[in-house]
Amino acid sequence: MSEHFRPGDVVVVREVVDGLVWTERPVTVVVDDPDQLVLHQAAGSVTREPIDPSERKDYLRIMAGGRWTLRDKVWQPPGRLRIGRIGLPFEVWRLSTPDERDVAAWYVNLQEPLRRTADGFETLDHVLDILVAPDLSWWRWKDEDELVAAVQHGVLTAGTAAAIRATGEAVIADIERGDPPWDLTWATWQPGEIDRASALPQIT
């Protein structure tokens, strides 16, 4: 599927595990072209998140067990700007100040490359992430322990986990060179710049 979405279109980003939907998040398209995909997840939008029948909180055990249901969850402020590209094994999320006027931090979310669907995109989070200062002056790993646990639970193989970390290390090398693999001008973007028909995107 190669057709691009238009700015202002409401689409759905789904995480999929072995053919089963793990999360659904409605987003508004800001940019969709061959070089860049930018999506906005608005505060107040209704997402769908996993719980298992016994309401357990350990998501890796839930995922490994292959049984869960989805519940609605209201996305709390601030909204999130997602910057990526089809085929790239990560997105960069702009973690915003409460009023969404400025960037509080950059969040490199390692994940399966985004795949187009009829109504949006599919991916799957790869657990390990990188938190980066707005001005790139520092970075730190996030959820290294969860990457280890994912291997222990059989959610990831040791080889896959090593490849995920290698992807993160390549991103870190770019950051340390002052050449991050995303456009820093998105730091000044405002949600009102989206030309959209509805106030809040919803899953339909």
N, C-alpha and C. Protein backbone atom coordinates (compact mmCIF):
# COMPACT_ATOMS: atom_id res chain seq x y z
N MET A 1 0.85 -1.18 0.00
CA MET A 1 0.00 0.00 0.00
C MET A 1 0.89 1.24 0.00
N SER A 2 0.76 2.08 -1.03
CA SER A 2 1.70 3.19 -1.20
C SER A 2 1.05 4.56 -1.11
N GLU A 3 -0.29 4.64 -1.11
CA GLU A 3 -0.95 5.94 -1.12
C GLU A 3 -0.69 6.68 0.18
N HIS A 4 -0.31 7.94 0.07
CA HIS A 4 -0.03 8.73 1.26
C HIS A 4 -1.30 9.39 1.77
N PHE A 5 -1.30 9.70 3.07
CA PHE A 5 -2.41 10.42 3.67
C PHE A 5 -2.17 11.92 3.54
N ARG A 6 -3.24 12.67 3.70
CA ARG A 6 -3.15 14.13 3.58
C ARG A 6 -3.05 14.76 4.95
N PRO A 7 -2.40 15.93 5.05
CA PRO A 7 -2.39 16.64 6.32
C PRO A 7 -3.81 16.88 6.81
N GLY A 8 -4.04 16.61 8.09
CA GLY A 8 -5.37 16.75 8.67
C GLY A 8 -6.16 15.47 8.72
N ASP A 9 -5.74 14.44 7.96
CA ASP A 9 -6.43 13.14 8.02
C ASP A 9 -6.25 12.52 9.39
N VAL A 10 -7.31 11.91 9.91
CA VAL A 10 -7.22 11.14 11.15
C VAL A 10 -7.02 9.67 10.80
N VAL A 11 -5.93 9.10 11.29
CA VAL A 11 -5.59 7.71 11.03
C VAL A 11 -5.31 7.01 12.36
N VAL A 12 -5.06 5.70 12.30
CA VAL A 12 -4.84 4.92 13.51
C VAL A 12 -3.47 4.25 13.44
N VAL A 13 -2.68 4.39 14.51
CA VAL A 13 -1.44 3.64 14.65
C VAL A 13 -1.72 2.46 15.56
N ARG A 14 -1.52 1.27 15.04
CA ARG A 14 -1.75 0.05 15.82
C ARG A 14 -0.43 -0.65 16.10
N GLU A 15 -0.28 -1.15 17.33
CA GLU A 15 0.77 -2.10 17.62
C GLU A 15 0.17 -3.49 17.49
N VAL A 16 0.88 -4.37 16.80
CA VAL A 16 0.37 -5.69 16.50
C VAL A 16 1.37 -6.75 16.95
N VAL A 17 0.88 -7.73 17.72
CA VAL A 17 1.70 -8.84 18.21
C VAL A 17 1.16 -10.14 17.64
N ASP A 18 1.95 -10.80 16.78
CA ASP A 18 1.52 -12.08 16.20
C ASP A 18 0.12 -12.00 15.62
N GLY A 19 -0.16 -10.92 14.92
CA GLY A 19 -1.45 -10.75 14.27
C GLY A 19 -2.55 -10.22 15.16
N LEU A 20 -2.29 -10.01 16.45
CA LEU A 20 -3.29 -9.51 17.39
C LEU A 20 -3.00 -8.05 17.72
N VAL A 21 -4.05 -7.23 17.77
CA VAL A 21 -3.88 -5.82 18.07
C VAL A 21 -3.54 -5.66 19.55
N TRP A 22 -2.46 -4.96 19.84
CA TRP A 22 -2.00 -4.70 21.20
C TRP A 22 -2.43 -3.30 21.67
N THR A 23 -2.29 -2.30 20.80
CA THR A 23 -2.79 -0.95 21.10
C THR A 23 -3.35 -0.33 19.82
N GLU A 24 -4.24 0.62 19.99
CA GLU A 24 -4.74 1.45 18.89
C GLU A 24 -4.73 2.90 19.36
N ARG A 25 -4.09 3.76 18.56
CA ARG A 25 -3.99 5.16 18.94
C ARG A 25 -4.35 6.04 17.74
N PRO A 26 -5.43 6.81 17.84
CA PRO A 26 -5.78 7.72 16.75
C PRO A 26 -4.86 8.92 16.73
N VAL A 27 -4.43 9.29 15.55
CA VAL A 27 -3.51 10.43 15.38
C VAL A 27 -3.95 11.24 14.17
N THR A 28 -3.50 12.49 14.14
CA THR A 28 -3.76 13.35 13.00
C THR A 28 -2.49 13.51 12.19
N VAL A 29 -2.59 13.37 10.88
CA VAL A 29 -1.43 13.48 10.00
C VAL A 29 -1.02 14.94 9.87
N VAL A 30 0.26 15.20 10.12
CA VAL A 30 0.82 16.53 9.92
C VAL A 30 1.59 16.57 8.61
N VAL A 31 2.46 15.57 8.40
CA VAL A 31 3.22 15.43 7.15
C VAL A 31 3.27 13.95 6.82
N ASP A 32 3.07 13.62 5.55
CA ASP A 32 3.25 12.25 5.07
C ASP A 32 3.84 12.32 3.68
N ASP A 33 5.17 12.23 3.60
CA ASP A 33 5.84 12.22 2.31
C ASP A 33 6.96 11.18 2.37
N PRO A 34 7.66 10.93 1.26
CA PRO A 34 8.66 9.87 1.25
C PRO A 34 9.80 10.06 2.26
N ASP A 35 10.08 11.29 2.64
CA ASP A 35 11.21 11.56 3.52
C ASP A 35 10.84 11.70 4.98
N GLN A 36 9.56 11.87 5.28
CA GLN A 36 9.19 12.15 6.65
C GLN A 36 7.72 11.85 6.90
N LEU A 37 7.44 11.29 8.07
CA LEU A 37 6.07 11.06 8.51
C LEU A 37 5.95 11.70 9.89
N VAL A 38 5.03 12.64 10.02
CA VAL A 38 4.82 13.32 11.30
C VAL A 38 3.34 13.21 11.66
N LEU A 39 3.09 12.72 12.86
CA LEU A 39 1.73 12.48 13.34
C LEU A 39 1.56 13.16 14.69
N HIS A 40 0.34 13.60 14.98
CA HIS A 40 0.06 14.24 16.27
C HIS A 40 -1.00 13.44 17.01
N GLN A 41 -0.64 13.04 18.22
CA GLN A 41 -1.56 12.33 19.10
C GLN A 41 -2.10 13.35 20.10
N ALA A 42 -3.37 13.70 19.97
CA ALA A 42 -3.93 14.82 20.72
C ALA A 42 -4.32 14.43 22.13
N ALA A 43 -4.10 15.34 23.06
CA ALA A 43 -4.62 15.16 24.41
C ALA A 43 -6.14 15.06 24.35
N GLY A 44 -6.71 14.12 25.10
CA GLY A 44 -8.15 13.93 25.10
C GLY A 44 -8.64 12.91 24.10
N SER A 45 -7.78 12.48 23.18
CA SER A 45 -8.19 11.44 22.24
C SER A 45 -8.29 10.11 22.98
N VAL A 46 -9.14 9.22 22.48
CA VAL A 46 -9.38 7.94 23.14
C VAL A 46 -8.58 6.85 22.45
N THR A 47 -7.66 6.24 23.20
CA THR A 47 -6.85 5.15 22.69
C THR A 47 -7.42 3.83 23.21
N ARG A 48 -6.89 2.73 22.71
CA ARG A 48 -7.26 1.41 23.23
C ARG A 48 -5.99 0.72 23.67
N GLU A 49 -6.00 0.24 24.92
CA GLU A 49 -4.82 -0.32 25.55
C GLU A 49 -5.12 -1.73 26.07
N PRO A 50 -4.08 -2.58 26.22
CA PRO A 50 -4.33 -3.97 26.61
C PRO A 50 -4.43 -4.21 28.11
N ILE A 51 -5.34 -5.07 28.48
CA ILE A 51 -5.34 -5.69 29.80
C ILE A 51 -5.67 -7.16 29.58
N ASP A 52 -5.21 -8.03 30.47
CA ASP A 52 -5.56 -9.45 30.35
C ASP A 52 -6.78 -9.73 31.21
N PRO A 53 -7.39 -10.92 31.08
CA PRO A 53 -8.64 -11.18 31.80
C PRO A 53 -8.55 -11.03 33.31
N SER A 54 -7.36 -11.22 33.89
CA SER A 54 -7.23 -11.13 35.35
C SER A 54 -6.76 -9.74 35.80
N GLU A 55 -6.69 -8.77 34.87
CA GLU A 55 -6.30 -7.39 35.19
C GLU A 55 -4.86 -7.27 35.66
N ARG A 56 -3.99 -8.22 35.28
CA ARG A 56 -2.59 -8.13 35.69
C ARG A 56 -1.93 -6.91 35.07
N LYS A 57 -0.93 -6.37 35.75
CA LYS A 57 -0.27 -5.15 35.30
C LYS A 57 1.04 -5.43 34.57
N ASP A 58 1.58 -6.63 34.65
CA ASP A 58 2.86 -6.95 34.01
C ASP A 58 2.64 -7.16 32.52
N TYR A 59 2.90 -6.12 31.73
CA TYR A 59 2.53 -6.19 30.32
C TYR A 59 3.34 -7.21 29.54
N LEU A 60 4.59 -7.48 29.94
CA LEU A 60 5.39 -8.48 29.24
C LEU A 60 4.83 -9.88 29.44
N ARG A 61 4.36 -10.17 30.64
CA ARG A 61 3.72 -11.46 30.89
C ARG A 61 2.42 -11.57 30.10
N ILE A 62 1.68 -10.47 30.05
CA ILE A 62 0.44 -10.46 29.28
C ILE A 62 0.73 -10.73 27.81
N MET A 63 1.72 -10.02 27.27
CA MET A 63 2.07 -10.19 25.86
C MET A 63 2.54 -11.61 25.57
N ALA A 64 3.38 -12.15 26.45
CA ALA A 64 3.90 -13.50 26.25
C ALA A 64 2.79 -14.53 26.33
N GLY A 65 1.77 -14.25 27.15
CA GLY A 65 0.66 -15.19 27.30
C GLY A 65 -0.26 -15.23 26.11
N GLY A 66 -0.25 -14.20 25.28
CA GLY A 66 -1.05 -14.21 24.06
C GLY A 66 -2.54 -14.03 24.27
N ARG A 67 -2.95 -13.57 25.48
CA ARG A 67 -4.38 -13.35 25.76
C ARG A 67 -4.55 -12.01 26.45
N TRP A 68 -5.36 -11.16 25.85
CA TRP A 68 -5.67 -9.87 26.47
C TRP A 68 -6.92 -9.30 25.82
N THR A 69 -7.47 -8.33 26.47
CA THR A 69 -8.56 -7.55 25.90
C THR A 69 -8.10 -6.10 25.86
N LEU A 70 -8.83 -5.28 25.15
CA LEU A 70 -8.49 -3.86 25.03
C LEU A 70 -9.54 -3.01 25.73
N ARG A 71 -9.09 -1.95 26.37
CA ARG A 71 -10.02 -1.02 27.01
C ARG A 71 -9.73 0.39 26.51
N ASP A 72 -10.74 1.24 26.56
CA ASP A 72 -10.56 2.63 26.18
C ASP A 72 -9.78 3.37 27.26
N LYS A 73 -8.93 4.29 26.81
CA LYS A 73 -8.14 5.11 27.72
C LYS A 73 -8.02 6.49 27.12
N VAL A 74 -8.31 7.52 27.90
CA VAL A 74 -8.20 8.90 27.42
C VAL A 74 -6.74 9.33 27.52
N TRP A 75 -6.18 9.81 26.40
CA TRP A 75 -4.80 10.26 26.39
C TRP A 75 -4.69 11.58 27.14
N GLN A 76 -3.89 11.58 28.19
CA GLN A 76 -3.78 12.75 29.06
C GLN A 76 -2.83 13.79 28.46
N PRO A 77 -3.05 15.07 28.78
CA PRO A 77 -2.17 16.13 28.26
C PRO A 77 -0.75 15.96 28.76
N PRO A 78 0.22 16.46 28.01
CA PRO A 78 0.07 17.13 26.72
C PRO A 78 -0.03 16.12 25.58
N GLY A 79 -0.33 16.62 24.39
CA GLY A 79 -0.32 15.76 23.21
C GLY A 79 1.11 15.38 22.84
N ARG A 80 1.23 14.51 21.85
CA ARG A 80 2.55 14.01 21.46
C ARG A 80 2.73 14.13 19.95
N LEU A 81 3.85 14.69 19.53
CA LEU A 81 4.20 14.75 18.12
C LEU A 81 5.14 13.60 17.82
N ARG A 82 4.81 12.79 16.82
CA ARG A 82 5.58 11.60 16.46
C ARG A 82 6.26 11.83 15.11
N ILE A 83 7.57 11.75 15.09
CA ILE A 83 8.36 12.05 13.89
C ILE A 83 9.07 10.77 13.45
N GLY A 84 8.85 10.34 12.24
CA GLY A 84 9.49 9.12 11.77
C GLY A 84 9.53 9.04 10.26
N ARG A 85 9.63 7.82 9.78
CA ARG A 85 9.66 7.57 8.35
C ARG A 85 9.33 6.10 8.13
N ILE A 86 8.60 5.81 7.09
CA ILE A 86 8.30 4.42 6.75
C ILE A 86 9.62 3.67 6.55
N GLY A 87 9.74 2.49 7.17
CA GLY A 87 10.94 1.67 7.01
C GLY A 87 12.00 1.91 8.04
N LEU A 88 11.86 2.98 8.85
CA LEU A 88 12.86 3.30 9.87
C LEU A 88 12.51 2.57 11.17
N PRO A 89 13.50 1.95 11.86
CA PRO A 89 13.18 1.14 13.06
C PRO A 89 13.05 1.97 14.34
N PHE A 90 12.61 3.19 14.23
CA PHE A 90 12.33 4.02 15.40
C PHE A 90 11.52 5.23 14.98
N GLU A 91 10.83 5.81 15.97
CA GLU A 91 10.23 7.13 15.82
C GLU A 91 10.87 8.03 16.88
N VAL A 92 10.80 9.33 16.66
CA VAL A 92 11.22 10.29 17.67
C VAL A 92 9.97 11.05 18.10
N TRP A 93 9.70 10.98 19.39
CA TRP A 93 8.53 11.67 19.92
C TRP A 93 8.96 12.97 20.58
N ARG A 94 8.25 14.02 20.28
CA ARG A 94 8.49 15.28 20.98
C ARG A 94 7.67 15.28 22.27
N LEU A 95 8.35 15.16 23.41
CA LEU A 95 7.68 15.28 24.70
C LEU A 95 7.57 16.77 25.00
N SER A 96 6.35 17.25 25.09
CA SER A 96 6.11 18.69 25.13
C SER A 96 5.91 19.20 26.54
N THR A 97 6.07 20.51 26.68
CA THR A 97 5.65 21.18 27.90
C THR A 97 4.12 21.09 27.98
N PRO A 98 3.53 21.32 29.17
CA PRO A 98 2.07 21.14 29.31
C PRO A 98 1.23 21.90 28.30
N ASP A 99 1.68 23.09 27.88
CA ASP A 99 0.90 23.86 26.91
C ASP A 99 1.25 23.51 25.47
N GLU A 100 2.16 22.55 25.27
CA GLU A 100 2.62 22.10 23.94
C GLU A 100 3.27 23.21 23.13
N ARG A 101 3.79 24.24 23.81
CA ARG A 101 4.47 25.30 23.08
C ARG A 101 5.95 25.02 22.86
N ASP A 102 6.53 24.19 23.71
CA ASP A 102 7.96 23.92 23.62
C ASP A 102 8.23 22.44 23.83
N VAL A 103 9.42 22.01 23.43
CA VAL A 103 9.83 20.64 23.64
C VAL A 103 10.45 20.50 25.02
N ALA A 104 10.00 19.52 25.79
CA ALA A 104 10.59 19.23 27.10
C ALA A 104 11.73 18.22 26.97
N ALA A 105 11.61 17.32 26.02
CA ALA A 105 12.66 16.33 25.73
C ALA A 105 12.30 15.63 24.43
N TRP A 106 13.29 15.02 23.82
CA TRP A 106 13.07 14.13 22.67
C TRP A 106 13.11 12.70 23.19
N TYR A 107 12.25 11.86 22.64
CA TYR A 107 12.15 10.48 23.10
C TYR A 107 12.29 9.57 21.87
N VAL A 108 13.39 8.86 21.79
CA VAL A 108 13.62 7.96 20.66
C VAL A 108 12.97 6.62 20.99
N ASN A 109 11.88 6.32 20.33
CA ASN A 109 11.12 5.09 20.58
C ASN A 109 11.55 4.03 19.57
N LEU A 110 12.35 3.07 20.02
CA LEU A 110 12.77 1.99 19.14
C LEU A 110 11.59 1.06 18.90
N GLN A 111 11.36 0.68 17.65
CA GLN A 111 10.15 -0.07 17.31
C GLN A 111 10.30 -0.72 15.95
N GLU A 112 9.36 -1.61 15.63
CA GLU A 112 9.31 -2.15 14.28
C GLU A 112 9.04 -1.01 13.30
N PRO A 113 9.62 -1.06 12.10
CA PRO A 113 9.33 -0.02 11.12
C PRO A 113 7.83 0.11 10.86
N LEU A 114 7.36 1.33 10.72
CA LEU A 114 5.95 1.57 10.44
C LEU A 114 5.57 0.96 9.09
N ARG A 115 4.42 0.31 9.07
CA ARG A 115 3.85 -0.27 7.84
C ARG A 115 2.50 0.39 7.57
N ARG A 116 2.27 0.73 6.31
CA ARG A 116 0.99 1.35 5.96
C ARG A 116 -0.14 0.33 5.96
N THR A 117 -1.31 0.79 6.41
CA THR A 117 -2.54 0.02 6.29
C THR A 117 -3.58 0.91 5.62
N ALA A 118 -4.77 0.38 5.40
CA ALA A 118 -5.81 1.17 4.74
C ALA A 118 -6.21 2.39 5.56
N ASP A 119 -6.13 2.28 6.89
CA ASP A 119 -6.58 3.38 7.74
C ASP A 119 -5.48 3.94 8.65
N GLY A 120 -4.22 3.63 8.35
CA GLY A 120 -3.15 4.17 9.18
C GLY A 120 -1.85 3.40 9.06
N PHE A 121 -1.33 2.96 10.21
CA PHE A 121 -0.01 2.33 10.25
C PHE A 121 0.02 1.25 11.32
N GLU A 122 0.92 0.27 11.12
CA GLU A 122 1.17 -0.76 12.12
C GLU A 122 2.63 -0.74 12.53
N THR A 123 2.89 -1.12 13.77
CA THR A 123 4.24 -1.22 14.29
C THR A 123 4.19 -2.08 15.54
N LEU A 124 5.30 -2.18 16.27
CA LEU A 124 5.32 -2.79 17.59
C LEU A 124 6.50 -2.21 18.34
N ASP A 125 6.25 -1.75 19.56
CA ASP A 125 7.29 -1.16 20.39
C ASP A 125 8.38 -2.18 20.70
N HIS A 126 9.63 -1.73 20.72
CA HIS A 126 10.76 -2.60 21.01
C HIS A 126 11.33 -2.39 22.42
N VAL A 127 10.54 -1.84 23.31
CA VAL A 127 10.83 -1.75 24.75
C VAL A 127 11.91 -0.72 25.08
N LEU A 128 13.09 -0.86 24.49
CA LEU A 128 14.21 0.03 24.82
C LEU A 128 14.02 1.39 24.15
N ASP A 129 14.33 2.45 24.89
CA ASP A 129 14.16 3.81 24.37
C ASP A 129 15.34 4.68 24.78
N ILE A 130 15.39 5.89 24.21
CA ILE A 130 16.44 6.85 24.54
C ILE A 130 15.79 8.19 24.80
N LEU A 131 16.12 8.78 25.95
CA LEU A 131 15.63 10.12 26.28
C LEU A 131 16.75 11.12 25.98
N VAL A 132 16.41 12.21 25.29
CA VAL A 132 17.42 13.16 24.80
C VAL A 132 17.01 14.58 25.19
N ALA A 133 17.99 15.38 25.61
CA ALA A 133 17.73 16.77 25.96
C ALA A 133 17.24 17.56 24.74
N PRO A 134 16.43 18.59 24.94
CA PRO A 134 15.95 19.40 23.82
C PRO A 134 17.08 19.93 22.94
N ASP A 135 18.23 20.27 23.56
CA ASP A 135 19.36 20.80 22.80
C ASP A 135 20.44 19.75 22.53
N LEU A 136 20.12 18.48 22.76
CA LEU A 136 21.02 17.34 22.52
C LEU A 136 22.23 17.33 23.47
N SER A 137 22.18 18.09 24.56
CA SER A 137 23.34 18.18 25.45
C SER A 137 23.53 16.94 26.31
N TRP A 138 22.52 16.11 26.40
CA TRP A 138 22.66 14.85 27.13
C TRP A 138 21.67 13.83 26.57
N TRP A 139 21.92 12.58 26.85
CA TRP A 139 20.99 11.50 26.51
C TRP A 139 21.14 10.41 27.56
N ARG A 140 20.11 9.58 27.66
CA ARG A 140 20.22 8.40 28.54
C ARG A 140 19.27 7.30 28.05
N TRP A 141 19.69 6.08 28.27
CA TRP A 141 18.84 4.94 27.95
C TRP A 141 17.62 4.94 28.86
N LYS A 142 16.53 4.38 28.37
CA LYS A 142 15.34 4.17 29.19
C LYS A 142 14.87 2.73 28.99
N ASP A 143 14.52 2.07 30.08
CA ASP A 143 13.92 0.73 30.07
C ASP A 143 14.89 -0.36 29.64
N GLU A 144 16.16 -0.21 30.00
CA GLU A 144 17.11 -1.30 29.74
C GLU A 144 16.70 -2.57 30.46
N ASP A 145 16.17 -2.43 31.68
CA ASP A 145 15.74 -3.60 32.44
C ASP A 145 14.57 -4.31 31.76
N GLU A 146 13.71 -3.54 31.10
CA GLU A 146 12.57 -4.15 30.42
C GLU A 146 13.00 -4.92 29.17
N LEU A 147 14.08 -4.46 28.54
CA LEU A 147 14.61 -5.21 27.39
C LEU A 147 15.11 -6.58 27.86
N VAL A 148 15.80 -6.61 28.99
CA VAL A 148 16.27 -7.88 29.56
C VAL A 148 15.06 -8.76 29.90
N ALA A 149 14.04 -8.18 30.52
CA ALA A 149 12.85 -8.93 30.90
C ALA A 149 12.11 -9.47 29.68
N ALA A 150 12.11 -8.71 28.59
CA ALA A 150 11.43 -9.17 27.37
C ALA A 150 12.07 -10.45 26.84
N VAL A 151 13.39 -10.55 26.96
CA VAL A 151 14.08 -11.78 26.55
C VAL A 151 13.74 -12.91 27.51
N GLN A 152 13.73 -12.61 28.80
CA GLN A 152 13.42 -13.63 29.80
C GLN A 152 12.01 -14.19 29.63
N HIS A 153 11.07 -13.34 29.23
CA HIS A 153 9.68 -13.78 29.05
C HIS A 153 9.43 -14.40 27.67
N GLY A 154 10.44 -14.38 26.81
CA GLY A 154 10.26 -14.95 25.48
C GLY A 154 9.58 -14.04 24.50
N VAL A 155 9.39 -12.77 24.86
CA VAL A 155 8.79 -11.80 23.94
C VAL A 155 9.78 -11.45 22.84
N LEU A 156 11.07 -11.38 23.17
CA LEU A 156 12.13 -11.12 22.21
C LEU A 156 13.21 -12.19 22.36
N THR A 157 13.89 -12.50 21.26
CA THR A 157 15.06 -13.37 21.34
C THR A 157 16.27 -12.52 21.73
N ALA A 158 17.31 -13.18 22.21
CA ALA A 158 18.53 -12.46 22.58
C ALA A 158 19.12 -11.75 21.36
N GLY A 159 19.05 -12.39 20.20
CA GLY A 159 19.57 -11.77 18.98
C GLY A 159 18.80 -10.53 18.59
N THR A 160 17.46 -10.60 18.72
CA THR A 160 16.64 -9.44 18.40
C THR A 160 16.92 -8.30 19.37
N ALA A 161 17.06 -8.63 20.65
CA ALA A 161 17.36 -7.60 21.65
C ALA A 161 18.70 -6.92 21.35
N ALA A 162 19.69 -7.70 20.93
CA ALA A 162 20.99 -7.13 20.59
C ALA A 162 20.88 -6.20 19.39
N ALA A 163 20.06 -6.59 18.41
CA ALA A 163 19.87 -5.75 17.22
C ALA A 163 19.15 -4.45 17.58
N ILE A 164 18.19 -4.53 18.50
CA ILE A 164 17.48 -3.33 18.95
C ILE A 164 18.45 -2.36 19.62
N ARG A 165 19.29 -2.90 20.50
CA ARG A 165 20.27 -2.03 21.18
C ARG A 165 21.25 -1.43 20.17
N ALA A 166 21.64 -2.20 19.16
CA ALA A 166 22.56 -1.68 18.14
C ALA A 166 21.91 -0.52 17.38
N THR A 167 20.62 -0.62 17.12
CA THR A 167 19.91 0.49 16.48
C THR A 167 19.99 1.74 17.35
N GLY A 168 19.74 1.55 18.65
CA GLY A 168 19.82 2.68 19.57
C GLY A 168 21.22 3.27 19.63
N GLU A 169 22.22 2.44 19.61
CA GLU A 169 23.61 2.93 19.66
C GLU A 169 23.95 3.75 18.42
N ALA A 170 23.39 3.35 17.27
CA ALA A 170 23.63 4.12 16.05
C ALA A 170 22.98 5.50 16.14
N VAL A 171 21.77 5.55 16.72
CA VAL A 171 21.10 6.84 16.91
C VAL A 171 21.91 7.71 17.87
N ILE A 172 22.41 7.12 18.95
CA ILE A 172 23.21 7.87 19.93
C ILE A 172 24.47 8.43 19.27
N ALA A 173 25.10 7.65 18.41
CA ALA A 173 26.30 8.14 17.72
C ALA A 173 25.98 9.36 16.87
N ASP A 174 24.83 9.34 16.20
CA ASP A 174 24.42 10.51 15.42
C ASP A 174 24.18 11.72 16.32
N ILE A 175 23.53 11.49 17.46
CA ILE A 175 23.26 12.58 18.40
C ILE A 175 24.56 13.20 18.90
N GLU A 176 25.51 12.35 19.25
CA GLU A 176 26.78 12.84 19.79
C GLU A 176 27.60 13.59 18.74
N ARG A 177 27.36 13.30 17.46
CA ARG A 177 28.00 14.05 16.38
C ARG A 177 27.28 15.37 16.10
N GLY A 178 26.16 15.57 16.77
CA GLY A 178 25.36 16.76 16.50
C GLY A 178 24.53 16.65 15.25
N ASP A 179 24.31 15.42 14.78
CA ASP A 179 23.55 15.18 13.55
C ASP A 179 22.42 14.20 13.82
N PRO A 180 21.44 14.59 14.65
CA PRO A 180 20.37 13.66 15.02
C PRO A 180 19.53 13.28 13.81
N PRO A 181 19.01 12.05 13.79
CA PRO A 181 18.22 11.59 12.63
C PRO A 181 16.77 12.06 12.66
N TRP A 182 16.56 13.31 13.03
CA TRP A 182 15.25 13.93 12.93
C TRP A 182 15.44 15.44 12.84
N ASP A 183 14.40 16.11 12.40
CA ASP A 183 14.45 17.56 12.16
C ASP A 183 14.14 18.31 13.46
N LEU A 184 15.14 19.01 13.99
CA LEU A 184 14.97 19.71 15.26
C LEU A 184 14.02 20.90 15.18
N THR A 185 13.68 21.34 13.97
CA THR A 185 12.77 22.48 13.87
C THR A 185 11.35 22.12 14.33
N TRP A 186 11.06 20.82 14.48
CA TRP A 186 9.77 20.43 15.03
C TRP A 186 9.62 20.84 16.49
N ALA A 187 10.69 21.29 17.12
CA ALA A 187 10.61 21.76 18.51
C ALA A 187 9.68 22.95 18.67
N THR A 188 9.48 23.72 17.61
CA THR A 188 8.65 24.94 17.71
C THR A 188 7.26 24.75 17.12
N TRP A 189 6.92 23.55 16.70
CA TRP A 189 5.62 23.29 16.09
C TRP A 189 4.49 23.45 17.11
N GLN A 190 3.34 23.93 16.64
CA GLN A 190 2.17 24.11 17.50
C GLN A 190 1.01 23.27 17.00
N PRO A 191 0.22 22.65 17.90
CA PRO A 191 -0.91 21.82 17.46
C PRO A 191 -1.90 22.56 16.58
N GLY A 192 -2.05 23.86 16.78
CA GLY A 192 -2.99 24.63 15.97
C GLY A 192 -2.60 24.72 14.51
N GLU A 193 -1.40 24.27 14.16
CA GLU A 193 -0.96 24.33 12.78
C GLU A 193 -1.57 23.21 11.93
N ILE A 194 -2.24 22.24 12.58
CA ILE A 194 -2.91 21.18 11.83
C ILE A 194 -4.22 21.72 11.29
N ASP A 195 -4.44 21.54 10.00
CA ASP A 195 -5.72 21.91 9.40
C ASP A 195 -6.62 20.69 9.48
N ARG A 196 -7.41 20.59 10.54
CA ARG A 196 -8.23 19.40 10.74
C ARG A 196 -9.68 19.77 10.96
N ALA A 197 -10.55 18.85 10.60
CA ALA A 197 -11.98 19.13 10.69
C ALA A 197 -12.51 18.89 12.10
N SER A 198 -12.00 17.88 12.80
CA SER A 198 -12.52 17.54 14.11
C SER A 198 -11.57 17.97 15.20
N ALA A 199 -12.11 18.28 16.38
CA ALA A 199 -11.27 18.76 17.47
C ALA A 199 -10.40 17.65 18.03
N LEU A 200 -10.92 16.43 18.13
CA LEU A 200 -10.16 15.33 18.70
C LEU A 200 -10.28 14.11 17.80
N PRO A 201 -9.15 13.52 17.38
CA PRO A 201 -9.24 12.29 16.60
C PRO A 201 -9.71 11.14 17.46
N GLN A 202 -10.57 10.28 16.90
CA GLN A 202 -11.07 9.13 17.62
C GLN A 202 -11.00 7.90 16.74
N ILE A 203 -10.92 6.74 17.37
CA ILE A 203 -10.97 5.48 16.63
C ILE A 203 -12.41 5.19 16.26
N THR A 204 -12.66 4.91 14.99
CA THR A 204 -14.01 4.62 14.55
C THR A 204 -14.10 3.21 13.99
